[in-house]
């Protein structure tokens, strides 16, 4: 069993944890705007769903920042419930929208902006997830470690959306966009279940 970090190390690690969460929050705040513009332009279910996911991740980062600041436990539980409800809403939207798009054979447009943003986001979220995992383990903080896993999922989702957008743009596989929506749906249901269990 490893010893808890010394007080100086703990302050340094807490600072790093807050910095990682602030970077995640800031990236997702910009991402919501970029993804909304790209989703409207391309009429893409996957981009809209990923934009809504980014909005939810802003809430998750806020919860962790509260936790790292030592905010009351009840407040954190309430915030986790709200995040869970938001994920349920995202799941319902994705299920309906992706199914309708597939059923009517709707073809989304190409989105160079969406491709660029999701590609960079996949890399950024992977780096942030690794930093949170390492810092959470060193701090022995399960909340930061768990949010690191959520950030890793964000990286996976960005990759799934990117693949759907590239397949649509390069070889005309229009159905890859709603298919990416179903990948997001799977993770939205999983995250909702986990958040509401707290």
N, C-alpha and C. Protein backbone atom coordinates (compact mmCIF):
# COMPACT_ATOMS: atom_id res chain seq x y z
N UNK A 1 0.84 -1.20 0.00
CA UNK A 1 0.00 0.00 0.00
C UNK A 1 0.88 1.25 0.00
N UNK A 2 0.64 2.16 -0.93
CA UNK A 2 1.46 3.37 -1.02
C UNK A 2 1.01 4.39 0.01
N UNK A 3 2.00 5.18 0.47
CA UNK A 3 1.69 6.23 1.45
C UNK A 3 1.04 7.41 0.76
N UNK A 4 0.16 8.14 1.48
CA UNK A 4 -0.42 9.34 0.87
C UNK A 4 0.68 10.36 0.60
N UNK A 5 0.48 11.25 -0.38
CA UNK A 5 1.54 12.21 -0.70
C UNK A 5 1.77 13.19 0.45
N UNK A 6 3.02 13.68 0.56
CA UNK A 6 3.35 14.69 1.56
C UNK A 6 2.55 15.95 1.29
N UNK A 7 2.41 16.81 2.33
CA UNK A 7 1.56 18.00 2.22
C UNK A 7 1.95 18.87 1.03
N UNK A 8 3.26 19.09 0.83
CA UNK A 8 3.72 19.92 -0.30
C UNK A 8 3.34 19.29 -1.63
N UNK A 9 3.58 17.98 -1.73
CA UNK A 9 3.22 17.26 -2.95
C UNK A 9 1.71 17.30 -3.19
N UNK A 10 0.95 17.19 -2.09
CA UNK A 10 -0.51 17.21 -2.21
C UNK A 10 -0.99 18.54 -2.78
N UNK A 11 -0.42 19.66 -2.29
CA UNK A 11 -0.79 20.99 -2.82
C UNK A 11 -0.44 21.10 -4.30
N UNK A 12 0.74 20.58 -4.66
CA UNK A 12 1.17 20.64 -6.06
C UNK A 12 0.25 19.79 -6.95
N UNK A 13 -0.10 18.60 -6.46
CA UNK A 13 -0.97 17.71 -7.22
C UNK A 13 -2.40 18.27 -7.34
N UNK A 14 -2.89 18.89 -6.25
CA UNK A 14 -4.21 19.52 -6.30
C UNK A 14 -4.23 20.65 -7.32
N UNK A 15 -3.14 21.43 -7.34
CA UNK A 15 -3.03 22.53 -8.32
C UNK A 15 -3.05 21.96 -9.74
N UNK A 16 -2.29 20.86 -9.95
CA UNK A 16 -2.26 20.23 -11.27
C UNK A 16 -3.64 19.70 -11.64
N UNK A 17 -4.33 19.06 -10.67
CA UNK A 17 -5.67 18.54 -10.91
C UNK A 17 -6.63 19.65 -11.31
N UNK A 18 -6.57 20.79 -10.60
CA UNK A 18 -7.44 21.93 -10.95
C UNK A 18 -7.11 22.48 -12.33
N UNK A 19 -5.82 22.53 -12.64
CA UNK A 19 -5.39 23.02 -13.96
C UNK A 19 -5.90 22.12 -15.08
N UNK A 20 -5.80 20.80 -14.89
CA UNK A 20 -6.29 19.84 -15.88
C UNK A 20 -7.81 19.97 -16.07
N UNK A 21 -8.54 20.13 -14.97
CA UNK A 21 -9.99 20.29 -15.07
C UNK A 21 -10.38 21.62 -15.72
N UNK A 22 -9.65 22.68 -15.41
CA UNK A 22 -9.92 23.98 -16.02
C UNK A 22 -9.65 23.93 -17.51
N UNK A 23 -8.57 23.24 -17.90
CA UNK A 23 -8.26 23.09 -19.33
C UNK A 23 -9.37 22.31 -20.04
N UNK A 24 -9.86 21.24 -19.40
CA UNK A 24 -10.95 20.44 -19.98
C UNK A 24 -12.21 21.29 -20.13
N UNK A 25 -12.53 22.03 -19.07
CA UNK A 25 -13.72 22.88 -19.08
C UNK A 25 -13.62 23.94 -20.19
N UNK A 26 -12.46 24.58 -20.30
CA UNK A 26 -12.27 25.63 -21.32
C UNK A 26 -12.36 25.06 -22.73
N UNK A 27 -11.72 23.91 -22.94
CA UNK A 27 -11.75 23.27 -24.27
C UNK A 27 -13.19 22.94 -24.66
N UNK A 28 -13.93 22.37 -23.72
CA UNK A 28 -15.31 22.00 -24.02
C UNK A 28 -16.21 23.21 -24.21
N UNK A 29 -15.93 24.31 -23.51
CA UNK A 29 -16.72 25.54 -23.69
C UNK A 29 -16.56 26.06 -25.11
N UNK A 30 -15.33 26.07 -25.62
CA UNK A 30 -15.08 26.48 -27.01
C UNK A 30 -15.71 25.44 -27.95
N UNK A 31 -15.56 24.15 -27.59
CA UNK A 31 -16.08 23.07 -28.42
C UNK A 31 -17.58 23.12 -28.63
N UNK A 32 -18.33 23.53 -27.61
CA UNK A 32 -19.79 23.62 -27.74
C UNK A 32 -20.15 24.57 -28.88
N UNK A 33 -19.47 25.70 -28.95
CA UNK A 33 -19.74 26.70 -30.00
C UNK A 33 -19.32 26.17 -31.36
N UNK A 34 -18.09 25.64 -31.45
CA UNK A 34 -17.56 25.11 -32.72
C UNK A 34 -18.45 23.98 -33.24
N UNK A 35 -18.81 23.06 -32.36
CA UNK A 35 -19.61 21.91 -32.77
C UNK A 35 -21.03 22.31 -33.16
N UNK A 36 -21.59 23.31 -32.46
CA UNK A 36 -22.93 23.79 -32.84
C UNK A 36 -22.91 24.36 -34.25
N UNK A 37 -21.89 25.18 -34.56
CA UNK A 37 -21.78 25.76 -35.91
C UNK A 37 -21.59 24.66 -36.96
N UNK A 38 -20.70 23.70 -36.66
CA UNK A 38 -20.42 22.62 -37.62
C UNK A 38 -21.66 21.73 -37.80
N UNK A 39 -22.38 21.44 -36.70
CA UNK A 39 -23.57 20.58 -36.78
C UNK A 39 -24.67 21.24 -37.60
N UNK A 40 -24.87 22.54 -37.42
CA UNK A 40 -25.89 23.28 -38.18
C UNK A 40 -25.52 23.30 -39.66
N UNK A 41 -24.25 23.60 -39.94
CA UNK A 41 -23.79 23.68 -41.34
C UNK A 41 -23.93 22.33 -42.06
N UNK A 42 -23.53 21.24 -41.37
CA UNK A 42 -23.54 19.92 -42.00
C UNK A 42 -24.84 19.15 -41.76
N UNK A 43 -25.68 19.65 -40.87
CA UNK A 43 -26.91 18.95 -40.46
C UNK A 43 -26.56 17.53 -39.99
N UNK A 44 -25.58 17.48 -39.07
CA UNK A 44 -25.02 16.20 -38.61
C UNK A 44 -25.52 15.85 -37.21
N UNK A 45 -26.11 14.66 -37.08
CA UNK A 45 -26.57 14.14 -35.79
C UNK A 45 -25.37 13.91 -34.87
N UNK A 46 -24.31 13.31 -35.41
CA UNK A 46 -23.14 12.98 -34.60
C UNK A 46 -22.48 14.24 -34.04
N UNK A 47 -22.35 15.28 -34.85
CA UNK A 47 -21.75 16.52 -34.36
C UNK A 47 -22.63 17.19 -33.32
N UNK A 48 -23.94 17.18 -33.53
CA UNK A 48 -24.87 17.76 -32.54
C UNK A 48 -24.78 16.99 -31.23
N UNK A 49 -24.76 15.67 -31.31
CA UNK A 49 -24.66 14.83 -30.12
C UNK A 49 -23.35 15.05 -29.38
N UNK A 50 -22.26 15.17 -30.14
CA UNK A 50 -20.96 15.39 -29.50
C UNK A 50 -20.91 16.78 -28.86
N UNK A 51 -21.58 17.76 -29.48
CA UNK A 51 -21.67 19.09 -28.88
C UNK A 51 -22.42 19.06 -27.57
N UNK A 52 -23.54 18.31 -27.52
CA UNK A 52 -24.30 18.16 -26.27
C UNK A 52 -23.47 17.43 -25.23
N UNK A 53 -22.69 16.43 -25.66
CA UNK A 53 -21.81 15.71 -24.75
C UNK A 53 -20.77 16.67 -24.16
N UNK A 54 -20.24 17.57 -24.98
CA UNK A 54 -19.26 18.55 -24.49
C UNK A 54 -19.88 19.45 -23.43
N UNK A 55 -21.16 19.81 -23.63
CA UNK A 55 -21.87 20.63 -22.65
C UNK A 55 -21.99 19.88 -21.31
N UNK A 56 -22.27 18.58 -21.38
CA UNK A 56 -22.37 17.77 -20.17
C UNK A 56 -21.00 17.64 -19.50
N UNK A 57 -19.95 17.52 -20.30
CA UNK A 57 -18.60 17.41 -19.74
C UNK A 57 -18.19 18.68 -18.99
N UNK A 58 -18.74 19.82 -19.43
CA UNK A 58 -18.49 21.07 -18.70
C UNK A 58 -19.03 20.92 -17.27
N UNK A 59 -20.23 20.34 -17.16
CA UNK A 59 -20.81 20.08 -15.84
C UNK A 59 -19.96 19.12 -15.02
N UNK A 60 -19.45 18.06 -15.66
CA UNK A 60 -18.63 17.07 -14.95
C UNK A 60 -17.34 17.71 -14.44
N UNK A 61 -16.70 18.55 -15.25
CA UNK A 61 -15.47 19.23 -14.82
C UNK A 61 -15.76 20.17 -13.66
N UNK A 62 -16.91 20.84 -13.71
CA UNK A 62 -17.31 21.74 -12.63
C UNK A 62 -17.47 20.97 -11.32
N UNK A 63 -18.09 19.78 -11.41
CA UNK A 63 -18.26 18.93 -10.23
C UNK A 63 -16.91 18.58 -9.62
N UNK A 64 -15.95 18.21 -10.46
CA UNK A 64 -14.63 17.82 -9.96
C UNK A 64 -13.91 19.03 -9.36
N UNK A 65 -14.05 20.20 -9.98
CA UNK A 65 -13.44 21.41 -9.41
C UNK A 65 -14.03 21.71 -8.04
N UNK A 66 -15.34 21.52 -7.87
CA UNK A 66 -15.97 21.67 -6.55
C UNK A 66 -15.36 20.69 -5.57
N UNK A 67 -15.22 19.43 -6.01
CA UNK A 67 -14.70 18.39 -5.13
C UNK A 67 -13.26 18.70 -4.71
N UNK A 68 -12.46 19.15 -5.66
CA UNK A 68 -11.06 19.46 -5.34
C UNK A 68 -10.95 20.68 -4.43
N UNK A 69 -11.98 21.51 -4.43
CA UNK A 69 -12.00 22.68 -3.53
C UNK A 69 -12.56 22.32 -2.16
N UNK A 70 -13.00 21.07 -2.00
CA UNK A 70 -13.52 20.62 -0.71
C UNK A 70 -14.95 21.05 -0.44
N UNK A 71 -15.75 21.19 -1.49
CA UNK A 71 -17.15 21.60 -1.34
C UNK A 71 -17.96 20.44 -0.73
N UNK A 72 -19.06 20.78 -0.11
CA UNK A 72 -19.90 19.80 0.60
C UNK A 72 -20.31 18.61 -0.27
N UNK A 73 -20.33 17.43 0.34
CA UNK A 73 -20.63 16.16 -0.33
C UNK A 73 -22.03 16.16 -0.95
N UNK A 74 -23.04 16.72 -0.23
CA UNK A 74 -24.42 16.71 -0.73
C UNK A 74 -24.52 17.49 -2.04
N UNK A 75 -23.78 18.60 -2.12
CA UNK A 75 -23.82 19.42 -3.33
C UNK A 75 -23.27 18.64 -4.52
N UNK A 76 -22.20 17.88 -4.27
CA UNK A 76 -21.60 17.06 -5.32
C UNK A 76 -22.57 16.00 -5.79
N UNK A 77 -23.30 15.37 -4.84
CA UNK A 77 -24.28 14.35 -5.21
C UNK A 77 -25.39 14.94 -6.08
N UNK A 78 -25.86 16.14 -5.71
CA UNK A 78 -26.91 16.80 -6.48
C UNK A 78 -26.43 17.10 -7.89
N UNK A 79 -25.19 17.57 -7.99
CA UNK A 79 -24.61 17.89 -9.30
C UNK A 79 -24.46 16.63 -10.14
N UNK A 80 -24.05 15.52 -9.51
CA UNK A 80 -23.92 14.26 -10.25
C UNK A 80 -25.28 13.79 -10.78
N UNK A 81 -26.34 13.98 -9.98
CA UNK A 81 -27.69 13.62 -10.44
C UNK A 81 -28.09 14.45 -11.65
N UNK A 82 -27.78 15.75 -11.61
CA UNK A 82 -28.11 16.64 -12.74
C UNK A 82 -27.35 16.21 -14.00
N UNK A 83 -26.09 15.83 -13.81
CA UNK A 83 -25.29 15.35 -14.95
C UNK A 83 -25.91 14.06 -15.50
N UNK A 84 -26.34 13.17 -14.61
CA UNK A 84 -27.00 11.93 -15.04
C UNK A 84 -28.26 12.19 -15.84
N UNK A 85 -29.08 13.14 -15.37
CA UNK A 85 -30.31 13.51 -16.08
C UNK A 85 -29.98 14.10 -17.45
N UNK A 86 -28.93 14.92 -17.50
CA UNK A 86 -28.51 15.51 -18.79
C UNK A 86 -28.09 14.42 -19.76
N UNK A 87 -27.39 13.39 -19.27
CA UNK A 87 -26.99 12.27 -20.14
C UNK A 87 -28.22 11.49 -20.62
N UNK A 88 -29.25 11.37 -19.78
CA UNK A 88 -30.49 10.70 -20.20
C UNK A 88 -31.11 11.49 -21.36
N UNK A 89 -31.15 12.83 -21.22
CA UNK A 89 -31.68 13.68 -22.29
C UNK A 89 -30.90 13.51 -23.58
N UNK A 90 -29.56 13.45 -23.46
CA UNK A 90 -28.70 13.25 -24.63
C UNK A 90 -29.01 11.90 -25.28
N UNK A 91 -29.17 10.86 -24.47
CA UNK A 91 -29.46 9.52 -24.99
C UNK A 91 -30.77 9.50 -25.76
N UNK A 92 -31.80 10.15 -25.20
CA UNK A 92 -33.11 10.20 -25.86
C UNK A 92 -33.00 10.92 -27.20
N UNK A 93 -32.31 12.08 -27.20
CA UNK A 93 -32.13 12.85 -28.44
C UNK A 93 -31.43 12.00 -29.51
N UNK A 94 -30.33 11.34 -29.12
CA UNK A 94 -29.55 10.56 -30.08
C UNK A 94 -30.33 9.37 -30.61
N UNK A 95 -31.08 8.70 -29.73
CA UNK A 95 -31.86 7.54 -30.16
C UNK A 95 -32.90 7.94 -31.20
N UNK A 96 -33.63 9.01 -30.92
CA UNK A 96 -34.68 9.45 -31.85
C UNK A 96 -34.08 9.98 -33.14
N UNK A 97 -33.11 10.90 -33.00
CA UNK A 97 -32.55 11.57 -34.18
C UNK A 97 -31.82 10.59 -35.11
N UNK A 98 -30.99 9.72 -34.54
CA UNK A 98 -30.24 8.76 -35.37
C UNK A 98 -31.18 7.81 -36.09
N UNK A 99 -32.23 7.36 -35.40
CA UNK A 99 -33.20 6.43 -36.00
C UNK A 99 -33.98 7.11 -37.12
N UNK A 100 -34.42 8.34 -36.90
CA UNK A 100 -35.15 9.09 -37.94
C UNK A 100 -34.27 9.30 -39.16
N UNK A 101 -33.00 9.71 -38.94
CA UNK A 101 -32.07 9.95 -40.05
C UNK A 101 -31.86 8.68 -40.88
N UNK A 102 -31.70 7.55 -40.20
CA UNK A 102 -31.52 6.28 -40.92
C UNK A 102 -32.80 5.87 -41.65
N UNK A 103 -33.94 6.05 -40.98
CA UNK A 103 -35.22 5.62 -41.57
C UNK A 103 -35.57 6.40 -42.84
N UNK A 104 -35.29 7.71 -42.83
CA UNK A 104 -35.66 8.52 -44.00
C UNK A 104 -34.51 8.63 -45.01
N UNK A 105 -33.33 8.11 -44.64
CA UNK A 105 -32.18 8.15 -45.55
C UNK A 105 -31.63 9.56 -45.75
N UNK A 106 -31.65 10.36 -44.68
CA UNK A 106 -31.17 11.75 -44.76
C UNK A 106 -29.65 11.78 -44.89
N UNK A 107 -29.15 12.52 -45.86
CA UNK A 107 -27.70 12.62 -46.11
C UNK A 107 -27.14 13.91 -45.52
N UNK A 108 -26.30 13.81 -44.46
CA UNK A 108 -25.68 15.04 -43.94
C UNK A 108 -24.63 15.56 -44.92
N UNK A 109 -24.35 16.84 -44.83
CA UNK A 109 -23.32 17.43 -45.69
C UNK A 109 -21.94 17.14 -45.09
N UNK A 110 -20.90 17.44 -45.89
CA UNK A 110 -19.52 17.30 -45.40
C UNK A 110 -19.23 18.44 -44.42
N UNK A 111 -18.33 18.18 -43.46
CA UNK A 111 -18.00 19.20 -42.46
C UNK A 111 -16.50 19.24 -42.20
N UNK A 112 -15.75 20.04 -43.00
CA UNK A 112 -14.31 20.18 -42.75
C UNK A 112 -14.03 20.70 -41.34
N UNK A 113 -14.87 21.65 -40.86
CA UNK A 113 -14.70 22.18 -39.51
C UNK A 113 -14.90 21.07 -38.46
N UNK A 114 -15.94 20.26 -38.64
CA UNK A 114 -16.20 19.16 -37.72
C UNK A 114 -15.07 18.14 -37.72
N UNK A 115 -14.55 17.83 -38.90
CA UNK A 115 -13.43 16.88 -39.00
C UNK A 115 -12.21 17.42 -38.27
N UNK A 116 -11.88 18.68 -38.52
CA UNK A 116 -10.69 19.28 -37.88
C UNK A 116 -10.86 19.32 -36.36
N UNK A 117 -12.02 19.78 -35.88
CA UNK A 117 -12.23 19.93 -34.44
C UNK A 117 -12.22 18.58 -33.73
N UNK A 118 -12.94 17.59 -34.26
CA UNK A 118 -12.99 16.29 -33.59
C UNK A 118 -11.63 15.59 -33.61
N UNK A 119 -10.86 15.80 -34.69
CA UNK A 119 -9.52 15.21 -34.75
C UNK A 119 -8.61 15.77 -33.67
N UNK A 120 -8.60 17.09 -33.53
CA UNK A 120 -7.75 17.73 -32.50
C UNK A 120 -8.28 17.39 -31.11
N UNK A 121 -9.61 17.37 -30.95
CA UNK A 121 -10.21 17.05 -29.65
C UNK A 121 -9.83 15.65 -29.18
N UNK A 122 -9.80 14.69 -30.09
CA UNK A 122 -9.42 13.31 -29.72
C UNK A 122 -8.04 13.29 -29.09
N UNK A 123 -7.09 14.04 -29.66
CA UNK A 123 -5.72 14.08 -29.15
C UNK A 123 -5.65 14.82 -27.82
N UNK A 124 -6.30 15.99 -27.74
CA UNK A 124 -6.28 16.82 -26.52
C UNK A 124 -6.92 16.05 -25.35
N UNK A 125 -8.08 15.43 -25.59
CA UNK A 125 -8.76 14.71 -24.51
C UNK A 125 -7.96 13.50 -24.03
N UNK A 126 -7.27 12.83 -24.97
CA UNK A 126 -6.42 11.70 -24.59
C UNK A 126 -5.31 12.19 -23.64
N UNK A 127 -4.66 13.31 -23.97
CA UNK A 127 -3.58 13.86 -23.13
C UNK A 127 -4.12 14.28 -21.77
N UNK A 128 -5.28 14.96 -21.74
CA UNK A 128 -5.88 15.39 -20.47
C UNK A 128 -6.28 14.18 -19.62
N UNK A 129 -6.82 13.15 -20.25
CA UNK A 129 -7.22 11.94 -19.52
C UNK A 129 -6.02 11.28 -18.85
N UNK A 130 -4.90 11.20 -19.58
CA UNK A 130 -3.69 10.59 -19.02
C UNK A 130 -3.19 11.40 -17.82
N UNK A 131 -3.23 12.73 -17.95
CA UNK A 131 -2.80 13.61 -16.84
C UNK A 131 -3.69 13.45 -15.62
N UNK A 132 -5.01 13.36 -15.83
CA UNK A 132 -5.95 13.22 -14.71
C UNK A 132 -5.79 11.86 -14.03
N UNK A 133 -5.59 10.83 -14.83
CA UNK A 133 -5.42 9.48 -14.28
C UNK A 133 -4.18 9.42 -13.39
N UNK A 134 -3.09 9.98 -13.88
CA UNK A 134 -1.83 9.98 -13.13
C UNK A 134 -1.95 10.83 -11.86
N UNK A 135 -2.53 12.01 -11.98
CA UNK A 135 -2.68 12.92 -10.84
C UNK A 135 -3.65 12.35 -9.82
N UNK A 136 -4.79 11.80 -10.30
CA UNK A 136 -5.78 11.20 -9.40
C UNK A 136 -5.20 10.04 -8.61
N UNK A 137 -4.38 9.22 -9.27
CA UNK A 137 -3.74 8.08 -8.59
C UNK A 137 -2.75 8.57 -7.54
N UNK A 138 -1.95 9.59 -7.89
CA UNK A 138 -0.97 10.13 -6.95
C UNK A 138 -1.65 10.79 -5.74
N UNK A 139 -2.78 11.43 -5.98
CA UNK A 139 -3.54 12.09 -4.90
C UNK A 139 -4.40 11.11 -4.13
N UNK A 140 -4.59 9.91 -4.70
CA UNK A 140 -5.53 8.91 -4.19
C UNK A 140 -6.93 9.51 -4.14
N UNK A 141 -7.28 10.20 -5.25
CA UNK A 141 -8.57 10.88 -5.35
C UNK A 141 -9.44 10.15 -6.38
N UNK A 142 -10.43 9.38 -5.93
CA UNK A 142 -11.24 8.60 -6.87
C UNK A 142 -12.09 9.46 -7.81
N UNK A 143 -12.47 10.66 -7.36
CA UNK A 143 -13.31 11.53 -8.20
C UNK A 143 -12.52 12.02 -9.41
N UNK A 144 -11.28 12.48 -9.18
CA UNK A 144 -10.44 12.94 -10.28
C UNK A 144 -10.09 11.78 -11.21
N UNK A 145 -9.81 10.62 -10.64
CA UNK A 145 -9.52 9.44 -11.47
C UNK A 145 -10.72 9.05 -12.33
N UNK A 146 -11.92 9.09 -11.73
CA UNK A 146 -13.14 8.74 -12.47
C UNK A 146 -13.39 9.74 -13.60
N UNK A 147 -13.17 11.02 -13.33
CA UNK A 147 -13.38 12.03 -14.36
C UNK A 147 -12.34 11.89 -15.47
N UNK A 148 -11.15 11.36 -15.11
CA UNK A 148 -10.14 11.05 -16.12
C UNK A 148 -10.65 9.98 -17.08
N UNK A 149 -11.41 9.01 -16.55
CA UNK A 149 -12.00 7.98 -17.41
C UNK A 149 -13.08 8.57 -18.33
N UNK A 150 -13.84 9.53 -17.80
CA UNK A 150 -14.85 10.21 -18.62
C UNK A 150 -14.16 10.97 -19.76
N UNK A 151 -13.04 11.61 -19.44
CA UNK A 151 -12.29 12.34 -20.46
C UNK A 151 -11.74 11.39 -21.52
N UNK A 152 -11.32 10.19 -21.09
CA UNK A 152 -10.85 9.18 -22.04
C UNK A 152 -12.00 8.76 -22.96
N UNK A 153 -13.20 8.61 -22.40
CA UNK A 153 -14.37 8.27 -23.20
C UNK A 153 -14.63 9.39 -24.21
N UNK A 154 -14.44 10.64 -23.78
CA UNK A 154 -14.60 11.78 -24.68
C UNK A 154 -13.66 11.65 -25.88
N UNK A 155 -12.43 11.22 -25.63
CA UNK A 155 -11.45 11.01 -26.70
C UNK A 155 -11.92 9.92 -27.66
N UNK A 156 -12.47 8.83 -27.10
CA UNK A 156 -12.99 7.73 -27.93
C UNK A 156 -14.18 8.20 -28.76
N UNK A 157 -15.07 8.97 -28.14
CA UNK A 157 -16.24 9.50 -28.85
C UNK A 157 -15.83 10.44 -29.98
N UNK A 158 -14.84 11.30 -29.70
CA UNK A 158 -14.34 12.20 -30.75
C UNK A 158 -13.81 11.41 -31.93
N UNK A 159 -13.11 10.30 -31.64
CA UNK A 159 -12.58 9.44 -32.69
C UNK A 159 -13.71 8.79 -33.49
N UNK A 160 -14.76 8.32 -32.79
CA UNK A 160 -15.89 7.69 -33.48
C UNK A 160 -16.60 8.68 -34.40
N UNK A 161 -16.83 9.90 -33.90
CA UNK A 161 -17.47 10.94 -34.71
C UNK A 161 -16.59 11.30 -35.90
N UNK A 162 -15.29 11.43 -35.66
CA UNK A 162 -14.33 11.74 -36.72
C UNK A 162 -14.39 10.69 -37.83
N UNK A 163 -14.40 9.42 -37.46
CA UNK A 163 -14.46 8.33 -38.46
C UNK A 163 -15.74 8.44 -39.28
N UNK A 164 -16.87 8.70 -38.60
CA UNK A 164 -18.14 8.87 -39.31
C UNK A 164 -18.10 10.02 -40.30
N UNK A 165 -17.54 11.15 -39.87
CA UNK A 165 -17.46 12.33 -40.74
C UNK A 165 -16.54 12.09 -41.94
N UNK A 166 -15.41 11.44 -41.69
CA UNK A 166 -14.45 11.16 -42.77
C UNK A 166 -15.04 10.17 -43.78
N UNK A 167 -15.72 9.14 -43.29
CA UNK A 167 -16.35 8.16 -44.20
C UNK A 167 -17.43 8.82 -45.06
N UNK A 168 -18.19 9.72 -44.46
CA UNK A 168 -19.22 10.44 -45.20
C UNK A 168 -18.58 11.34 -46.27
N UNK A 169 -17.52 12.06 -45.86
CA UNK A 169 -16.88 13.01 -46.78
C UNK A 169 -16.09 12.33 -47.88
N UNK A 170 -15.42 11.21 -47.56
CA UNK A 170 -14.51 10.60 -48.53
C UNK A 170 -15.18 9.60 -49.47
N UNK A 171 -16.09 8.76 -48.93
CA UNK A 171 -16.69 7.74 -49.80
C UNK A 171 -18.22 7.76 -49.78
N UNK A 172 -18.79 8.84 -49.22
CA UNK A 172 -20.23 9.02 -49.29
C UNK A 172 -21.05 8.10 -48.42
N UNK A 173 -20.45 7.53 -47.38
CA UNK A 173 -21.19 6.67 -46.47
C UNK A 173 -22.00 7.56 -45.51
N UNK A 174 -23.13 8.09 -45.98
CA UNK A 174 -23.94 9.01 -45.21
C UNK A 174 -24.44 8.39 -43.91
N UNK A 175 -24.63 7.07 -43.91
CA UNK A 175 -25.15 6.38 -42.73
C UNK A 175 -24.11 6.29 -41.61
N UNK A 176 -22.85 6.61 -41.91
CA UNK A 176 -21.81 6.58 -40.87
C UNK A 176 -22.07 7.66 -39.81
N UNK A 177 -22.72 8.77 -40.21
CA UNK A 177 -23.02 9.85 -39.26
C UNK A 177 -24.02 9.39 -38.20
N UNK A 178 -25.21 8.86 -38.57
CA UNK A 178 -26.11 8.37 -37.52
C UNK A 178 -25.55 7.16 -36.77
N UNK A 179 -24.70 6.38 -37.43
CA UNK A 179 -24.05 5.26 -36.75
C UNK A 179 -23.15 5.77 -35.63
N UNK A 180 -22.41 6.86 -35.90
CA UNK A 180 -21.60 7.50 -34.85
C UNK A 180 -22.51 8.02 -33.75
N UNK A 181 -23.72 8.46 -34.12
CA UNK A 181 -24.71 8.88 -33.13
C UNK A 181 -25.08 7.75 -32.19
N UNK A 182 -25.18 6.53 -32.73
CA UNK A 182 -25.49 5.36 -31.89
C UNK A 182 -24.33 5.02 -30.94
N UNK A 183 -23.10 5.24 -31.39
CA UNK A 183 -21.93 5.03 -30.51
C UNK A 183 -22.04 6.00 -29.33
N UNK A 184 -22.35 7.28 -29.64
CA UNK A 184 -22.54 8.27 -28.59
C UNK A 184 -23.69 7.88 -27.66
N UNK A 185 -24.75 7.32 -28.23
CA UNK A 185 -25.91 6.88 -27.45
C UNK A 185 -25.49 5.83 -26.42
N UNK A 186 -24.70 4.85 -26.84
CA UNK A 186 -24.24 3.80 -25.94
C UNK A 186 -23.51 4.40 -24.73
N UNK A 187 -22.58 5.33 -25.01
CA UNK A 187 -21.82 5.93 -23.92
C UNK A 187 -22.68 6.87 -23.07
N UNK A 188 -23.64 7.54 -23.68
CA UNK A 188 -24.54 8.43 -22.92
C UNK A 188 -25.35 7.62 -21.91
N UNK A 189 -25.86 6.45 -22.33
CA UNK A 189 -26.62 5.58 -21.42
C UNK A 189 -25.72 5.10 -20.28
N UNK A 190 -24.51 4.70 -20.62
CA UNK A 190 -23.56 4.20 -19.62
C UNK A 190 -23.23 5.28 -18.59
N UNK A 191 -22.94 6.50 -19.09
CA UNK A 191 -22.59 7.60 -18.20
C UNK A 191 -23.78 8.02 -17.34
N UNK A 192 -25.00 7.99 -17.92
CA UNK A 192 -26.21 8.34 -17.16
C UNK A 192 -26.38 7.37 -16.00
N UNK A 193 -26.22 6.09 -16.28
CA UNK A 193 -26.38 5.06 -15.26
C UNK A 193 -25.38 5.28 -14.11
N UNK A 194 -24.13 5.55 -14.49
CA UNK A 194 -23.08 5.73 -13.48
C UNK A 194 -23.30 6.99 -12.65
N UNK A 195 -23.65 8.10 -13.33
CA UNK A 195 -23.86 9.37 -12.61
C UNK A 195 -25.06 9.29 -11.67
N UNK A 196 -26.14 8.62 -12.11
CA UNK A 196 -27.35 8.53 -11.28
C UNK A 196 -27.18 7.54 -10.13
N UNK A 197 -26.18 6.69 -10.21
CA UNK A 197 -25.92 5.72 -9.13
C UNK A 197 -25.28 6.38 -7.92
N UNK A 198 -24.71 7.59 -8.09
CA UNK A 198 -24.03 8.28 -6.98
C UNK A 198 -25.03 8.86 -5.99
